Amino acid sequence: MGDVGLSAQERGVLALEARGWESPGAKERAIREELGIAPVRYYQLLNALLDAPRALAHDPVTVNRLRRVREVRRTQREA
C-alpha cells in the first residue's frame, strides 16, 4: 500500500474506515480527534474516495468492501 497520490487526510480516512468499531460514537470521536474534521465532512470525503482509482490502488480491500456496502444500500433504497 503506497500513498499513490493520496493526501494525508485521505489516507487517514481510509485507515479509520479499515478499523473495527464497537459503536458509532467511538468512530465519530476518532474522526474528530484523529482527523480534526466533523463526521459529515468525513463521510463526504469517504464517499468521494470510493470513486477514486488512487484510493482503490492504496487500499483495495477496504475500498472494495465499502463499495459493496454502498451498492447494497443503494439497491435497498431503490426497492
N, C-alpha and C. Protein backbone atom coordinates (compact mmCIF):
# COMPACT_ATOMS: atom_id res chain seq x y z
N MET A 1 0.85 -1.19 0.00
CA MET A 1 0.00 0.00 0.00
C MET A 1 0.89 1.25 0.00
N GLY A 2 1.06 1.87 -1.17
CA GLY A 2 1.77 3.13 -1.26
C GLY A 2 0.79 4.26 -1.08
N ASP A 3 1.29 5.49 -1.14
CA ASP A 3 0.34 6.60 -0.96
C ASP A 3 -0.36 6.96 -2.26
N VAL A 4 0.16 6.53 -3.42
CA VAL A 4 -0.45 6.73 -4.74
C VAL A 4 -1.22 8.04 -4.91
N GLY A 5 -0.63 9.12 -4.47
CA GLY A 5 -1.24 10.42 -4.69
C GLY A 5 -2.32 10.81 -3.70
N LEU A 6 -2.49 10.07 -2.63
CA LEU A 6 -3.48 10.42 -1.63
C LEU A 6 -2.88 11.42 -0.65
N SER A 7 -3.70 12.35 -0.20
CA SER A 7 -3.26 13.29 0.84
C SER A 7 -3.22 12.55 2.18
N ALA A 8 -2.57 13.18 3.14
CA ALA A 8 -2.53 12.59 4.48
C ALA A 8 -3.94 12.42 5.03
N GLN A 9 -4.81 13.39 4.79
CA GLN A 9 -6.18 13.31 5.27
C GLN A 9 -6.92 12.15 4.60
N GLU A 10 -6.73 11.96 3.29
CA GLU A 10 -7.39 10.86 2.59
C GLU A 10 -6.88 9.51 3.10
N ARG A 11 -5.60 9.40 3.34
CA ARG A 11 -5.05 8.16 3.91
C ARG A 11 -5.63 7.92 5.30
N GLY A 12 -5.80 9.00 6.07
CA GLY A 12 -6.38 8.88 7.41
C GLY A 12 -7.82 8.41 7.37
N VAL A 13 -8.59 8.90 6.40
CA VAL A 13 -9.99 8.47 6.26
C VAL A 13 -10.03 6.97 5.96
N LEU A 14 -9.22 6.51 5.03
CA LEU A 14 -9.22 5.09 4.70
C LEU A 14 -8.73 4.24 5.87
N ALA A 15 -7.74 4.73 6.60
CA ALA A 15 -7.23 3.98 7.75
C ALA A 15 -8.29 3.87 8.84
N LEU A 16 -9.01 4.94 9.09
CA LEU A 16 -10.09 4.89 10.09
C LEU A 16 -11.17 3.92 9.66
N GLU A 17 -11.49 3.93 8.38
CA GLU A 17 -12.56 3.08 7.89
C GLU A 17 -12.17 1.61 7.93
N ALA A 18 -10.89 1.33 7.87
CA ALA A 18 -10.42 -0.06 7.88
C ALA A 18 -10.48 -0.68 9.28
N ARG A 19 -10.59 0.17 10.31
CA ARG A 19 -10.65 -0.34 11.67
C ARG A 19 -12.05 -0.80 12.03
N GLY A 20 -12.12 -1.68 13.01
CA GLY A 20 -13.42 -2.12 13.52
C GLY A 20 -13.87 -1.19 14.63
N TRP A 21 -15.17 -0.97 14.73
CA TRP A 21 -15.70 -0.05 15.73
C TRP A 21 -16.77 -0.72 16.56
N GLU A 22 -16.67 -0.56 17.88
CA GLU A 22 -17.67 -1.13 18.77
C GLU A 22 -18.95 -0.33 18.76
N SER A 23 -18.83 0.98 18.50
CA SER A 23 -20.02 1.82 18.49
C SER A 23 -19.81 3.00 17.56
N PRO A 24 -20.90 3.54 17.02
CA PRO A 24 -20.78 4.72 16.16
C PRO A 24 -20.16 5.90 16.91
N GLY A 25 -20.43 6.00 18.20
CA GLY A 25 -19.88 7.09 18.99
C GLY A 25 -18.36 7.05 19.04
N ALA A 26 -17.79 5.87 19.15
CA ALA A 26 -16.34 5.73 19.19
C ALA A 26 -15.73 6.15 17.86
N LYS A 27 -16.38 5.79 16.78
CA LYS A 27 -15.88 6.16 15.45
C LYS A 27 -15.97 7.67 15.25
N GLU A 28 -17.08 8.27 15.62
CA GLU A 28 -17.23 9.72 15.47
C GLU A 28 -16.21 10.47 16.32
N ARG A 29 -15.94 9.98 17.51
CA ARG A 29 -14.94 10.60 18.38
C ARG A 29 -13.56 10.52 17.72
N ALA A 30 -13.23 9.36 17.16
CA ALA A 30 -11.94 9.19 16.48
C ALA A 30 -11.83 10.11 15.26
N ILE A 31 -12.92 10.28 14.54
CA ILE A 31 -12.92 11.18 13.38
C ILE A 31 -12.54 12.59 13.83
N ARG A 32 -13.18 13.06 14.88
CA ARG A 32 -12.91 14.41 15.37
C ARG A 32 -11.50 14.53 15.95
N GLU A 33 -11.08 13.55 16.74
CA GLU A 33 -9.79 13.64 17.42
C GLU A 33 -8.61 13.38 16.49
N GLU A 34 -8.72 12.39 15.64
CA GLU A 34 -7.58 11.99 14.81
C GLU A 34 -7.48 12.80 13.52
N LEU A 35 -8.61 13.14 12.95
CA LEU A 35 -8.59 13.87 11.68
C LEU A 35 -8.93 15.35 11.83
N GLY A 36 -9.56 15.70 12.94
CA GLY A 36 -9.89 17.10 13.18
C GLY A 36 -10.99 17.64 12.28
N ILE A 37 -11.87 16.75 11.84
CA ILE A 37 -12.98 17.18 10.98
C ILE A 37 -14.29 16.66 11.54
N ALA A 38 -15.38 17.25 11.08
CA ALA A 38 -16.71 16.81 11.50
C ALA A 38 -17.06 15.50 10.79
N PRO A 39 -17.84 14.64 11.45
CA PRO A 39 -18.25 13.38 10.81
C PRO A 39 -18.92 13.58 9.45
N VAL A 40 -19.71 14.64 9.30
CA VAL A 40 -20.37 14.87 8.00
C VAL A 40 -19.33 15.05 6.91
N ARG A 41 -18.29 15.83 7.19
CA ARG A 41 -17.22 16.04 6.21
C ARG A 41 -16.47 14.74 5.94
N TYR A 42 -16.26 13.96 6.97
CA TYR A 42 -15.59 12.66 6.84
C TYR A 42 -16.33 11.79 5.84
N TYR A 43 -17.64 11.69 5.99
CA TYR A 43 -18.41 10.83 5.09
C TYR A 43 -18.47 11.39 3.68
N GLN A 44 -18.41 12.70 3.52
CA GLN A 44 -18.32 13.29 2.19
C GLN A 44 -16.99 12.89 1.53
N LEU A 45 -15.91 13.01 2.28
CA LEU A 45 -14.60 12.62 1.76
C LEU A 45 -14.54 11.14 1.44
N LEU A 46 -15.09 10.33 2.34
CA LEU A 46 -15.08 8.89 2.14
C LEU A 46 -15.84 8.51 0.88
N ASN A 47 -17.01 9.08 0.68
CA ASN A 47 -17.80 8.75 -0.49
C ASN A 47 -17.07 9.12 -1.78
N ALA A 48 -16.41 10.27 -1.78
CA ALA A 48 -15.63 10.67 -2.96
C ALA A 48 -14.45 9.72 -3.17
N LEU A 49 -13.82 9.30 -2.09
CA LEU A 49 -12.69 8.38 -2.20
C LEU A 49 -13.09 7.03 -2.80
N LEU A 50 -14.29 6.59 -2.52
CA LEU A 50 -14.73 5.29 -3.04
C LEU A 50 -14.77 5.26 -4.56
N ASP A 51 -14.86 6.43 -5.18
CA ASP A 51 -14.89 6.52 -6.64
C ASP A 51 -13.52 6.86 -7.22
N ALA A 52 -12.52 7.04 -6.39
CA ALA A 52 -11.19 7.46 -6.84
C ALA A 52 -10.28 6.25 -7.08
N PRO A 53 -9.79 6.09 -8.30
CA PRO A 53 -8.87 4.97 -8.58
C PRO A 53 -7.65 4.96 -7.67
N ARG A 54 -7.16 6.12 -7.26
CA ARG A 54 -5.97 6.17 -6.40
C ARG A 54 -6.26 5.58 -5.02
N ALA A 55 -7.51 5.72 -4.54
CA ALA A 55 -7.88 5.12 -3.26
C ALA A 55 -7.94 3.59 -3.39
N LEU A 56 -8.47 3.13 -4.52
CA LEU A 56 -8.52 1.68 -4.77
C LEU A 56 -7.11 1.10 -4.83
N ALA A 57 -6.18 1.83 -5.46
CA ALA A 57 -4.80 1.36 -5.54
C ALA A 57 -4.14 1.35 -4.15
N HIS A 58 -4.52 2.29 -3.31
CA HIS A 58 -3.93 2.40 -1.96
C HIS A 58 -4.42 1.29 -1.03
N ASP A 59 -5.72 1.04 -1.03
CA ASP A 59 -6.30 0.05 -0.10
C ASP A 59 -7.46 -0.67 -0.76
N PRO A 60 -7.17 -1.60 -1.67
CA PRO A 60 -8.24 -2.26 -2.42
C PRO A 60 -9.22 -3.05 -1.56
N VAL A 61 -8.76 -3.64 -0.49
CA VAL A 61 -9.66 -4.43 0.35
C VAL A 61 -10.73 -3.54 0.99
N THR A 62 -10.31 -2.46 1.61
CA THR A 62 -11.26 -1.55 2.26
C THR A 62 -12.17 -0.88 1.24
N VAL A 63 -11.61 -0.37 0.15
CA VAL A 63 -12.41 0.33 -0.85
C VAL A 63 -13.43 -0.61 -1.48
N ASN A 64 -13.02 -1.81 -1.85
CA ASN A 64 -13.98 -2.74 -2.45
C ASN A 64 -15.08 -3.15 -1.47
N ARG A 65 -14.72 -3.35 -0.20
CA ARG A 65 -15.73 -3.68 0.81
C ARG A 65 -16.75 -2.55 0.93
N LEU A 66 -16.26 -1.32 1.00
CA LEU A 66 -17.16 -0.18 1.15
C LEU A 66 -18.00 0.06 -0.10
N ARG A 67 -17.44 -0.22 -1.26
CA ARG A 67 -18.22 -0.10 -2.50
C ARG A 67 -19.38 -1.10 -2.50
N ARG A 68 -19.11 -2.32 -2.02
CA ARG A 68 -20.18 -3.32 -1.95
C ARG A 68 -21.27 -2.89 -0.98
N VAL A 69 -20.87 -2.38 0.19
CA VAL A 69 -21.85 -1.91 1.18
C VAL A 69 -22.68 -0.77 0.59
N ARG A 70 -22.02 0.17 -0.07
CA ARG A 70 -22.72 1.31 -0.67
C ARG A 70 -23.72 0.83 -1.72
N GLU A 71 -23.33 -0.14 -2.53
CA GLU A 71 -24.23 -0.63 -3.58
C GLU A 71 -25.44 -1.35 -2.99
N VAL A 72 -25.23 -2.14 -1.93
CA VAL A 72 -26.35 -2.82 -1.27
C VAL A 72 -27.33 -1.78 -0.72
N ARG A 73 -26.82 -0.76 -0.07
CA ARG A 73 -27.70 0.29 0.48
C ARG A 73 -28.44 1.02 -0.62
N ARG A 74 -27.74 1.30 -1.72
CA ARG A 74 -28.37 1.99 -2.85
C ARG A 74 -29.50 1.13 -3.43
N THR A 75 -29.25 -0.15 -3.56
CA THR A 75 -30.26 -1.08 -4.09
C THR A 75 -31.46 -1.16 -3.15
N GLN A 76 -31.21 -1.20 -1.84
CA GLN A 76 -32.30 -1.27 -0.87
C GLN A 76 -33.16 -0.01 -0.92
N ARG A 77 -32.55 1.13 -1.11
CA ARG A 77 -33.31 2.39 -1.19
C ARG A 77 -34.19 2.43 -2.43
N GLU A 78 -33.72 1.84 -3.51
CA GLU A 78 -34.45 1.86 -4.77
C GLU A 78 -35.58 0.84 -4.81
N ALA A 79 -35.52 -0.12 -3.91
CA ALA A 79 -36.53 -1.20 -3.93
C ALA A 79 -37.85 -0.74 -3.32
